[in-house]
Amino acid sequence: METEKDQFAAESGKLAKCEVCGNEYDKCFEVRKNGEMHVFDSFECAIHALAPTCTHCGCRIIGHGMEMNGVFFCCAHCAEQYGIHEFEDRVEPEQDRSSA
C-alpha cells in the first residue's frame, strides 16, 4: 500500500511537510532508517529526529561516535565518564618525540 510519503518520492516539485518542524517545502528529502521512511526539510531536522544521543552528555552524535553494548557516546571522554575505558578518540602513531 503506497502512503503519502511514498508518493512524495516520485513527484518532484511537490510540497512535502517536514516531520520535525512542520515546514512545507518543495525541496524536502527522504531518509529511510530501519525500514521506515522519514521526510525532512533540513539536515538539522533529520539529525534531531534520527541521530543517536550520547549517553553521558546528551549531545546528538552526527559523526561515527562510539558504541558498546547498545550504549552510544560522542567521544572517548564521555564513555570514560560512564566507566568504559576501552575507547580512544585518536590514536597517535608511535614516534620519537625527542625530535619535536
C-alpha atoms as a PDB file:
ATOM      1  CA  MET A   1       0.000   0.000   0.000  1.00  0.00           C
ATOM      2  CA  GLU A   2       1.509   3.323  -1.082  1.00  0.00           C
ATOM      3  CA  THR A   3       1.498   6.086   1.512  1.00  0.00           C
ATOM      4  CA  GLU A   4       1.604   9.848   1.016  1.00  0.00           C
ATOM      5  CA  LYS A   5       5.309   9.786   1.895  1.00  0.00           C
ATOM      6  CA  ASP A   6       5.945   7.160  -0.807  1.00  0.00           C
ATOM      7  CA  GLN A   7       4.129   9.284  -3.364  1.00  0.00           C
ATOM      8  CA  PHE A   8       6.308  12.282  -2.471  1.00  0.00           C
ATOM      9  CA  ALA A   9       9.416  10.418  -3.658  1.00  0.00           C
ATOM     10  CA  ALA A  10       8.053  10.064  -7.168  1.00  0.00           C
ATOM     11  CA  GLU A  11       6.774  13.616  -7.618  1.00  0.00           C
ATOM     12  CA  SER A  12       9.461  16.284  -7.905  1.00  0.00           C
ATOM     13  CA  GLY A  13       8.441  19.821  -7.066  1.00  0.00           C
ATOM     14  CA  LYS A  14       5.588  18.736  -4.808  1.00  0.00           C
ATOM     15  CA  LEU A  15       5.412  20.376  -1.416  1.00  0.00           C
ATOM     16  CA  ALA A  16       6.111  17.994   1.421  1.00  0.00           C
ATOM     17  CA  LYS A  17       5.922  18.549   5.150  1.00  0.00           C
ATOM     18  CA  CYS A  18       8.935  18.089   7.441  1.00  0.00           C
ATOM     19  CA  GLU A  19       8.009  15.654  10.193  1.00  0.00           C
ATOM     20  CA  VAL A  20      10.042  17.593  12.779  1.00  0.00           C
ATOM     21  CA  CYS A  21       9.266  21.270  12.253  1.00  0.00           C
ATOM     22  CA  GLY A  22       6.176  21.025  10.057  1.00  0.00           C
ATOM     23  CA  ASN A  23       7.607  23.266   7.336  1.00  0.00           C
ATOM     24  CA  GLU A  24       6.031  22.677   3.934  1.00  0.00           C
ATOM     25  CA  TYR A  25       8.843  22.851   1.402  1.00  0.00           C
ATOM     26  CA  ASP A  26       9.419  21.841  -2.217  1.00  0.00           C
ATOM     27  CA  LYS A  27      12.969  20.617  -1.510  1.00  0.00           C
ATOM     28  CA  CYS A  28      12.276  18.160   1.299  1.00  0.00           C
ATOM     29  CA  PHE A  29      14.182  14.894   1.224  1.00  0.00           C
ATOM     30  CA  GLU A  30      13.563  11.372   2.432  1.00  0.00           C
ATOM     31  CA  VAL A  31      15.627   9.216   4.750  1.00  0.00           C
ATOM     32  CA  ARG A  32      14.984   5.530   5.282  1.00  0.00           C
ATOM     33  CA  LYS A  33      16.032   4.031   8.603  1.00  0.00           C
ATOM     34  CA  ASN A  34      15.203   0.546   9.814  1.00  0.00           C
ATOM     35  CA  GLY A  35      12.624   0.161   7.070  1.00  0.00           C
ATOM     36  CA  GLU A  36      10.788   3.387   7.935  1.00  0.00           C
ATOM     37  CA  MET A  37      10.724   6.401   5.653  1.00  0.00           C
ATOM     38  CA  HIS A  38      11.048   9.916   7.059  1.00  0.00           C
ATOM     39  CA  VAL A  39      10.670  13.323   5.373  1.00  0.00           C
ATOM     40  CA  PHE A  40      12.725  16.384   6.393  1.00  0.00           C
ATOM     41  CA  ASP A  41      13.326  19.890   5.107  1.00  0.00           C
ATOM     42  CA  SER A  42      16.868  20.156   6.502  1.00  0.00           C
ATOM     43  CA  PHE A  43      19.733  18.081   7.811  1.00  0.00           C
ATOM     44  CA  GLU A  44      19.210  19.803  11.155  1.00  0.00           C
ATOM     45  CA  CYS A  45      15.725  18.304  11.445  1.00  0.00           C
ATOM     46  CA  ALA A  46      16.955  14.891  10.261  1.00  0.00           C
ATOM     47  CA  ILE A  47      19.710  14.901  12.894  1.00  0.00           C
ATOM     48  CA  HIS A  48      17.248  15.976  15.583  1.00  0.00           C
ATOM     49  CA  ALA A  49      14.942  13.081  14.733  1.00  0.00           C
ATOM     50  CA  LEU A  50      17.336  10.268  13.855  1.00  0.00           C
ATOM     51  CA  ALA A  51      20.822  10.771  15.295  1.00  0.00           C
ATOM     52  CA  PRO A  52      21.650   8.805  18.428  1.00  0.00           C
ATOM     53  CA  THR A  53      22.210  10.711  21.671  1.00  0.00           C
ATOM     54  CA  CYS A  54      25.355  10.477  23.796  1.00  0.00           C
ATOM     55  CA  THR A  55      24.504   8.620  26.987  1.00  0.00           C
ATOM     56  CA  HIS A  56      26.766  10.857  29.078  1.00  0.00           C
ATOM     57  CA  CYS A  57      26.383  14.436  27.802  1.00  0.00           C
ATOM     58  CA  GLY A  58      23.189  14.167  25.751  1.00  0.00           C
ATOM     59  CA  CYS A  59      24.512  15.707  22.524  1.00  0.00           C
ATOM     60  CA  ARG A  60      23.415  14.343  19.142  1.00  0.00           C
ATOM     61  CA  ILE A  61      26.048  12.131  17.554  1.00  0.00           C
ATOM     62  CA  ILE A  62      26.448  13.151  13.928  1.00  0.00           C
ATOM     63  CA  GLY A  63      29.846  11.558  13.326  1.00  0.00           C
ATOM     64  CA  HIS A  64      30.825   7.965  13.853  1.00  0.00           C
ATOM     65  CA  GLY A  65      30.523   8.147  17.611  1.00  0.00           C
ATOM     66  CA  MET A  66      31.252   5.150  19.795  1.00  0.00           C
ATOM     67  CA  GLU A  67      29.031   2.308  20.869  1.00  0.00           C
ATOM     68  CA  MET A  68      29.322  -0.535  23.333  1.00  0.00           C
ATOM     69  CA  ASN A  69      26.507  -2.961  24.111  1.00  0.00           C
ATOM     70  CA  GLY A  70      23.933  -0.664  22.515  1.00  0.00           C
ATOM     71  CA  VAL A  71      25.033   2.395  24.511  1.00  0.00           C
ATOM     72  CA  PHE A  72      26.196   5.389  22.430  1.00  0.00           C
ATOM     73  CA  PHE A  73      28.830   8.029  23.204  1.00  0.00           C
ATOM     74  CA  CYS A  74      30.038  11.044  21.241  1.00  0.00           C
ATOM     75  CA  CYS A  75      33.668  10.633  22.357  1.00  0.00           C
ATOM     76  CA  ALA A  76      36.034   8.554  24.478  1.00  0.00           C
ATOM     77  CA  HIS A  77      35.871  11.106  27.308  1.00  0.00           C
ATOM     78  CA  CYS A  78      32.116  10.616  27.688  1.00  0.00           C
ATOM     79  CA  ALA A  79      32.500   6.839  27.525  1.00  0.00           C
ATOM     80  CA  GLU A  80      35.142   7.026  30.245  1.00  0.00           C
ATOM     81  CA  GLN A  81      32.819   9.082  32.452  1.00  0.00           C
ATOM     82  CA  TYR A  82      30.341   6.238  32.064  1.00  0.00           C
ATOM     83  CA  GLY A  83      33.003   3.702  33.141  1.00  0.00           C
ATOM     84  CA  ILE A  84      34.053   2.432  29.717  1.00  0.00           C
ATOM     85  CA  HIS A  85      37.817   2.802  29.282  1.00  0.00           C
ATOM     86  CA  GLU A  86      38.387   0.817  26.071  1.00  0.00           C
ATOM     87  CA  PHE A  87      37.831   3.733  23.638  1.00  0.00           C
ATOM     88  CA  GLU A  88      40.303   6.313  22.342  1.00  0.00           C
ATOM     89  CA  ASP A  89      39.331   9.431  20.409  1.00  0.00           C
ATOM     90  CA  ARG A  90      42.563   9.468  18.436  1.00  0.00           C
ATOM     91  CA  VAL A  91      45.421   7.045  18.374  1.00  0.00           C
ATOM     92  CA  GLU A  92      48.721   8.834  17.927  1.00  0.00           C
ATOM     93  CA  PRO A  93      51.327   6.991  15.856  1.00  0.00           C
ATOM     94  CA  GLU A  94      54.378   5.956  17.813  1.00  0.00           C
ATOM     95  CA  GLN A  95      57.205   8.317  17.023  1.00  0.00           C
ATOM     96  CA  ASP A  96      60.282   9.726  18.637  1.00  0.00           C
ATOM     97  CA  ARG A  97      59.007  12.800  20.433  1.00  0.00           C
ATOM     98  CA  SER A  98      62.537  13.986  21.274  1.00  0.00           C
ATOM     99  CA  SER A  99      62.919  15.301  17.732  1.00  0.00           C
ATOM    100  CA  ALA A 100      59.930  17.613  18.091  1.00  0.00           C
END
